[in-house]
Protein backbone atom coordinates (compact mmCIF):
# COMPACT_ATOMS: atom_id res chain seq x y z
CA MET A 1 265.24 -15.69 24.99
CA ARG A 2 262.93 -16.41 22.14
CA VAL A 3 259.91 -13.90 21.63
CA LEU A 4 258.05 -13.83 24.84
CA LEU A 5 254.50 -13.97 23.59
CA ILE A 6 251.86 -16.61 23.76
CA LEU A 7 254.78 -18.89 22.35
CA LEU A 8 256.22 -19.42 25.84
CA THR A 9 252.96 -21.20 26.73
CA LEU A 10 253.08 -23.13 23.53
CA ILE A 11 256.74 -24.27 23.83
CA SER A 12 256.15 -25.57 27.44
CA THR A 13 253.14 -27.73 26.47
CA LEU A 14 253.84 -28.88 22.81
CA TYR A 15 256.22 -31.01 20.85
CA ALA A 16 256.21 -31.49 17.09
CA CYS A 17 252.43 -31.45 16.60
CA SER A 18 252.17 -28.11 14.86
CA LYS A 19 251.02 -29.28 11.31
CA ASN A 20 248.16 -31.18 12.62
CA ALA A 21 245.73 -28.23 13.01
CA ASP A 22 246.32 -27.01 9.41
CA THR A 23 244.03 -28.49 6.71
CA ASP A 24 245.25 -26.59 3.65
CA GLN A 25 247.03 -28.79 1.05
CA PRO A 26 250.57 -27.67 0.29
CA THR A 27 251.33 -26.17 -3.10
CA PRO A 28 253.92 -28.11 -5.20
CA ILE A 29 257.14 -26.57 -5.98
CA ASN A 30 259.38 -27.10 -8.97
CA SER A 31 262.82 -28.96 -8.78
CA ALA A 32 264.86 -25.58 -9.19
CA GLN A 33 263.10 -24.04 -6.26
CA GLN A 34 263.48 -27.19 -4.28
CA ASN A 35 267.31 -27.08 -4.72
CA THR A 36 267.16 -23.38 -3.63
CA LEU A 37 265.34 -24.39 -0.48
CA SER A 38 267.42 -27.51 0.47
CA ALA A 39 269.86 -25.50 2.64
CA SER A 40 270.88 -28.67 4.57
CA ALA A 41 272.83 -29.76 1.19
CA THR A 42 274.53 -26.44 1.12
CA PRO A 43 274.56 -24.95 4.64
CA THR A 44 276.38 -21.71 3.69
CA PRO A 45 275.09 -18.63 2.08
CA GLN A 46 275.07 -18.26 -1.65
CA ALA A 47 277.77 -15.95 -2.83
CA ASP A 48 275.04 -13.59 -4.33
CA ALA A 49 272.88 -13.49 -1.25
CA ILE A 50 271.05 -10.25 -1.05
CA GLY A 51 272.28 -9.69 2.44
CA TYR A 52 275.67 -8.91 1.26
CA GLN A 53 274.56 -5.82 -0.50
CA LEU A 54 274.71 -2.53 1.48
CA ASP A 55 271.85 -0.84 -0.40
CA MET A 56 268.62 -2.38 0.15
CA PRO A 57 266.30 -2.45 -2.89
CA MET A 58 262.73 -1.06 -1.97
CA VAL A 59 259.42 -2.02 -3.60
CA LEU A 60 256.57 0.40 -4.23
CA VAL A 61 253.12 -0.21 -2.77
CA PRO A 62 250.72 2.10 -4.55
CA ALA A 63 247.96 4.06 -3.10
CA SER A 64 244.81 2.14 -2.68
CA GLU A 65 242.22 0.49 -0.33
CA PHE A 66 243.08 -2.81 1.13
CA ILE A 67 241.65 -5.41 3.53
CA LEU A 68 242.79 -5.00 7.20
CA GLY A 69 242.35 -7.63 9.71
CA SER A 70 239.98 -10.39 9.64
CA ASN A 71 236.73 -11.91 11.15
CA LYS A 72 238.34 -15.31 11.77
CA VAL A 73 237.25 -17.29 14.93
CA ASP A 74 238.77 -20.17 16.65
CA THR A 75 236.56 -22.78 15.49
CA GLU A 76 239.05 -25.51 15.93
CA GLY A 77 239.67 -24.71 19.55
CA LEU A 78 243.30 -24.04 19.04
CA GLN A 79 243.65 -21.87 22.02
CA LYS A 80 242.55 -24.86 24.26
CA ARG A 81 244.36 -27.50 22.34
CA TYR A 82 247.71 -25.67 22.46
CA GLY A 83 247.22 -23.96 25.97
CA PHE A 84 247.50 -20.51 24.60
CA THR A 85 246.78 -18.00 27.49
CA THR A 86 245.14 -15.39 25.20
CA PRO A 87 242.51 -15.85 22.41
CA ILE A 88 243.67 -16.11 18.93
CA TYR A 89 242.26 -14.00 15.95
CA LEU A 90 240.25 -11.61 18.16
CA ASP A 91 242.60 -8.60 18.04
CA GLU A 92 242.41 -8.80 14.12
CA HIS A 93 238.70 -7.84 14.42
CA PRO A 94 236.86 -6.52 12.81
CA GLN A 95 237.93 -6.91 9.30
CA GLN A 96 237.55 -3.63 7.37
CA LYS A 97 238.81 -1.71 4.38
CA ALA A 98 241.20 0.91 4.98
CA PHE A 99 243.09 3.36 2.64
CA LEU A 100 246.84 4.14 2.52
CA PRO A 101 248.84 6.56 0.19
CA ALA A 102 251.69 5.05 -1.77
CA PHE A 103 254.79 4.16 0.20
CA LYS A 104 257.93 2.00 -0.31
CA ILE A 105 259.08 -0.73 1.80
CA ASP A 106 262.26 -2.73 1.93
CA ALA A 107 262.10 -5.88 -0.34
CA TYR A 108 264.02 -7.82 2.27
CA GLU A 109 264.81 -7.89 6.09
CA VAL A 110 267.70 -5.77 7.05
CA SER A 111 270.78 -7.97 7.11
CA ASN A 112 273.75 -8.08 9.59
CA LYS A 113 276.22 -6.50 7.27
CA GLN A 114 273.83 -3.61 6.58
CA PHE A 115 273.17 -3.14 10.26
CA LYS A 116 276.96 -3.43 11.25
CA THR A 117 277.63 -0.41 9.09
CA PHE A 118 275.13 1.47 11.27
CA ILE A 119 276.72 0.25 14.53
CA LEU A 120 280.38 1.23 13.41
CA ASP A 121 279.19 4.56 12.01
CA THR A 122 277.26 5.62 15.01
CA ASP A 123 279.54 3.98 17.65
CA ARG A 124 276.71 2.24 19.36
CA ALA A 125 276.79 -0.87 21.58
CA LEU A 126 276.89 -4.05 19.81
CA PRO A 127 273.89 -6.48 19.78
CA PHE A 128 274.62 -8.90 22.64
CA GLU A 129 274.94 -11.97 20.38
CA TRP A 130 277.63 -10.11 18.46
CA GLY A 131 279.91 -9.91 21.53
CA GLN A 132 279.54 -13.63 22.07
CA ASN A 133 280.14 -14.85 18.50
CA GLY A 134 282.85 -12.72 17.38
CA TYR A 135 280.92 -10.82 14.74
CA GLY A 136 281.18 -7.55 16.37
CA LEU A 137 285.03 -7.62 16.30
CA THR A 138 286.66 -5.27 13.85
CA MET A 139 289.87 -6.47 12.15
CA GLU A 140 291.45 -3.22 13.19
CA GLU A 141 291.01 -4.33 16.72
CA ALA A 142 292.26 -7.70 16.00
CA ASP A 143 295.41 -6.29 14.48
CA THR A 144 296.59 -4.63 17.49
CA MET A 145 295.07 -6.94 20.16
CA ASP A 146 297.45 -9.02 22.59
CA MET A 147 297.89 -12.39 20.99
CA VAL A 148 296.75 -14.31 24.01
CA ARG A 149 293.48 -12.63 24.12
CA LEU A 150 293.17 -12.72 20.27
CA ARG A 151 293.69 -16.42 20.30
CA GLY A 152 291.11 -16.91 23.18
CA ILE A 153 288.45 -14.89 21.16
CA ALA A 154 289.27 -17.11 18.09
CA ALA A 155 288.82 -20.26 19.98
CA ASP A 156 285.87 -19.35 22.42
CA ASP A 157 283.87 -16.78 20.40
CA PHE A 158 284.62 -17.57 16.73
CA LYS A 159 284.90 -21.28 17.57
CA LEU A 160 287.44 -21.91 15.00
CA ASP A 161 287.86 -25.55 14.35
CA ARG A 162 291.75 -25.21 14.56
CA ASP A 163 294.49 -25.18 17.00
CA THR A 164 294.43 -21.36 17.51
CA THR A 165 297.61 -21.48 19.80
CA THR A 166 299.96 -22.21 16.83
CA LEU A 167 298.37 -19.70 14.42
CA SER A 168 299.87 -16.45 13.42
CA ARG A 169 297.86 -13.11 13.64
CA GLN A 170 297.45 -12.90 9.96
CA THR A 171 296.15 -16.52 9.83
CA LEU A 172 293.75 -15.75 12.74
CA ILE A 173 292.59 -12.68 11.07
CA GLU A 174 291.85 -14.38 7.81
CA ALA A 175 289.98 -17.23 9.48
CA MET A 176 287.96 -14.68 11.52
CA GLU A 177 287.04 -12.61 8.55
CA GLU A 178 285.79 -15.77 6.83
CA LYS A 179 283.60 -16.62 9.68
CA GLN A 180 282.13 -13.07 9.86
CA TYR A 181 281.60 -13.08 6.07
CA LEU A 182 279.17 -16.14 6.65
CA HIS A 183 277.15 -14.15 9.04
CA ASP A 184 276.77 -11.14 6.95
CA PRO A 185 273.73 -11.92 4.74
CA PHE A 186 271.48 -13.26 7.56
CA PRO A 187 268.99 -10.94 8.88
CA VAL A 188 269.98 -8.96 11.83
CA THR A 189 268.22 -10.02 15.06
CA GLY A 190 268.56 -9.58 18.92
CA ILE A 191 268.01 -5.84 18.62
CA SER A 192 265.33 -3.84 20.31
CA TRP A 193 262.51 -1.67 18.70
CA TYR A 194 264.66 1.32 19.52
CA TYR A 195 267.53 0.23 17.57
CA ALA A 196 265.42 -0.79 14.69
CA TYR A 197 263.84 2.69 14.72
CA SER A 198 267.29 4.40 14.90
CA TYR A 199 268.62 2.42 11.96
CA CYS A 200 265.72 3.20 9.66
CA ARG A 201 266.21 6.93 10.64
CA TRP A 202 269.87 6.70 9.94
CA LYS A 203 269.07 5.42 6.61
CA ASN A 204 266.62 8.40 5.97
CA LYS A 205 263.87 5.88 6.23
CA ARG A 206 261.36 4.86 9.06
CA LEU A 207 259.74 1.83 10.40
CA PRO A 208 256.80 0.83 8.54
CA THR A 209 253.33 1.31 10.33
CA GLU A 210 251.47 -1.78 11.16
CA ARG A 211 249.11 -1.02 8.38
CA GLU A 212 251.76 -0.58 5.91
CA TRP A 213 253.29 -3.79 6.79
CA GLU A 214 250.01 -5.80 6.54
CA LYS A 215 249.23 -4.15 3.03
CA ALA A 216 252.61 -4.92 1.95
CA ALA A 217 252.47 -8.59 2.99
CA ARG A 218 248.77 -9.32 2.08
CA GLY A 219 248.23 -7.15 -1.09
CA PRO A 220 244.94 -5.18 -1.53
CA ASN A 221 242.77 -8.28 -1.33
CA GLY A 222 243.92 -9.49 2.17
CA LEU A 223 245.79 -12.80 1.30
CA GLU A 224 246.23 -15.23 4.19
CA TYR A 225 249.92 -15.51 3.43
CA PRO A 226 252.06 -13.40 1.10
CA TRP A 227 252.14 -16.03 -1.74
CA GLY A 228 248.33 -16.84 -1.42
CA ASN A 229 245.78 -18.43 0.76
CA ASN A 230 247.19 -21.93 0.98
CA TRP A 231 249.72 -22.92 3.79
CA ASP A 232 252.94 -24.43 2.55
CA THR A 233 255.88 -24.94 4.83
CA ALA A 234 258.12 -25.45 1.64
CA ILE A 235 257.64 -21.88 0.67
CA THR A 236 258.76 -20.16 3.91
CA ASN A 237 261.33 -20.65 6.58
CA THR A 238 259.49 -21.89 9.71
CA GLY A 239 262.66 -23.22 11.38
CA ASP A 240 261.16 -26.66 11.42
CA ASP A 241 263.37 -28.42 8.93
CA HIS A 242 266.80 -27.66 10.83
CA ASP A 243 268.25 -26.52 7.43
CA TRP A 244 269.68 -23.41 9.04
CA GLU A 245 271.56 -22.74 12.37
CA ASP A 246 269.13 -21.32 15.00
CA GLY A 247 266.34 -21.60 12.38
CA ILE A 248 267.15 -18.47 10.51
CA ALA A 249 268.19 -18.44 6.70
CA PRO A 250 269.96 -15.57 4.80
CA THR A 251 267.62 -12.90 3.72
CA GLY A 252 265.84 -13.70 0.22
CA SER A 253 266.63 -17.56 0.57
CA TYR A 254 262.99 -18.59 -0.28
CA PRO A 255 262.05 -17.16 -3.63
CA GLN A 256 258.35 -18.09 -3.44
CA ASN A 257 257.89 -16.27 -0.12
CA LYS A 258 256.94 -13.08 -2.10
CA SER A 259 254.11 -10.71 -1.52
CA PRO A 260 251.98 -9.29 -4.23
CA TYR A 261 254.14 -6.17 -4.19
CA GLY A 262 257.50 -8.02 -4.40
CA ALA A 263 258.58 -8.10 -0.78
CA TYR A 264 260.11 -11.24 0.41
CA ASP A 265 260.25 -13.12 3.74
CA MET A 266 257.20 -11.14 5.17
CA ALA A 267 255.95 -14.82 6.48
CA GLY A 268 258.72 -16.59 8.50
CA ASN A 269 262.42 -16.42 8.97
CA VAL A 270 262.22 -13.64 11.63
CA TRP A 271 259.52 -11.58 13.19
CA GLU A 272 259.69 -7.89 12.35
CA TRP A 273 259.26 -4.73 14.37
CA VAL A 274 256.69 -2.17 13.10
CA ASP A 275 256.22 1.58 14.25
CA ASN A 276 253.04 1.13 16.30
CA TRP A 277 252.04 0.50 19.85
CA TYR A 278 249.62 -2.55 20.32
CA HIS A 279 246.17 -0.88 20.16
CA PRO A 280 242.78 -2.36 19.23
CA TYR A 281 241.47 -1.88 15.64
CA PRO A 282 238.70 0.70 15.02
CA ASP A 283 235.15 -0.67 16.16
CA SER A 284 236.95 -3.61 17.91
CA THR A 285 235.15 -5.04 20.95
CA TYR A 286 238.07 -7.08 22.09
CA GLN A 287 239.81 -5.99 25.10
CA SER A 288 243.43 -6.78 26.34
CA GLU A 289 245.56 -5.70 29.26
CA GLN A 290 248.33 -5.40 26.79
CA PHE A 291 246.75 -2.56 24.78
CA GLY A 292 248.19 0.92 25.18
CA GLU A 293 251.50 2.32 24.96
CA LYS A 294 253.60 -0.47 26.47
CA MET A 295 253.95 -3.16 23.86
CA LYS A 296 255.04 -2.66 20.23
CA ILE A 297 253.73 -4.86 17.44
CA ILE A 298 255.79 -7.52 15.76
CA ARG A 299 254.70 -9.19 12.57
CA GLY A 300 255.35 -12.14 10.19
CA GLY A 301 256.34 -15.14 12.29
CA GLY A 302 260.04 -16.30 12.93
CA GLY A 303 262.14 -19.32 12.12
CA GLY A 304 262.89 -19.58 15.79
CA ILE A 305 259.46 -21.11 16.36
CA GLY A 306 260.74 -24.46 15.11
CA HIS A 307 258.69 -27.51 15.85
CA TYR A 308 255.86 -24.93 17.02
CA ALA A 309 255.39 -23.74 13.57
CA LEU A 310 251.49 -23.28 13.50
CA SER A 311 250.42 -21.56 10.33
CA TYR A 312 248.55 -19.08 12.51
CA PHE A 313 251.83 -17.34 13.51
CA PHE A 314 252.76 -16.86 9.73
CA ARG A 315 249.58 -15.22 8.60
CA GLY A 316 249.58 -11.69 7.32
CA ALA A 317 246.86 -10.52 9.72
CA THR A 318 248.46 -12.15 12.87
CA ARG A 319 249.32 -9.45 15.46
CA GLN A 320 252.02 -10.33 18.12
CA PHE A 321 253.63 -7.80 20.55
CA ALA A 322 256.63 -7.36 22.72
CA GLU A 323 258.25 -4.79 25.08
CA PRO A 324 260.25 -2.38 22.94
CA THR A 325 263.26 -2.99 24.92
CA MET A 326 263.13 -6.67 23.98
CA ALA A 327 265.89 -8.06 22.01
CA GLY A 328 264.51 -11.37 20.62
CA GLU A 329 266.93 -13.95 19.04
CA ASP A 330 264.45 -14.30 16.00
CA VAL A 331 263.20 -10.54 15.88
CA GLY A 332 264.48 -8.38 13.15
CA PHE A 333 262.83 -5.51 10.94
CA ARG A 334 262.71 -3.89 7.51
CA CYS A 335 262.31 -0.07 6.84
CA ALA A 336 259.77 1.92 4.94
CA SER A 337 259.75 5.38 3.26
CA ASP A 338 257.20 7.82 2.00
CA VAL A 339 256.88 8.39 -1.92
CA ASN A 340 257.89 11.93 -2.61
């Protein structure tokens, strides 16, 4: 299941009309960046993709005031036009200045490879999808597994485009390792808030607070998007161009999708868990049945939205929420840490 937010209503009532509501003109990109973004021409991860690294670089967000939230209102009637069940923008009210001490945040979303080391080290249950696509199988298991079962997994889970009934164990293992390698640099998804929280603790980090996430994405002056105030589908992965399977790209695939502090992919690719429960902002008059300690905040918008890629979902101020046990196919995370 995709993220169960107001997106459910959207998906049931829309088709390919997302860009009509956005009036900002796209910013041109140069040819080198266009080649980087044209994943359909090269539908495999780059060999130097950041997600292959086990050590995640972090960026410093200095102590300062920043703009939190917005005062935007739905003057275009987007809620009615797209059949949203809840008002948009109102939970961002009122726009205000807030102060945060210095902190660090991961420059990229946590990748499959990075998360896999955590799963194997702590002997936790695999994310559901890993049990379906073969990514969770270790080659130590494959080396001792019954050949009939191994060949079945190679065909049904790994979906090897070969006659697995005739392949030797070594050939099967090499082919499966190659498939797993291709999954490594993509952001981990399909994990609950609790798994994200536990991973960050295991790394001696923590999940970012909602305010930290917003400041890291928008900078001190409250940009609409990490790169500026103009919406541009070429800069981020909305999942609308079918470049990547399931609408998700390897971490760091969009070099212009960079916040003022140097954090990448904070708009698009996957939604991101943050630490906080869904509560109203100080001095807010907006009321919601979802407020309280029942929903955790997710931020940033995900590539799984696909044709429904309204720019609203990718704004740095947009707040969405989900039950902490939810494991969405386009929900991942990044970690943060204090500055000692």
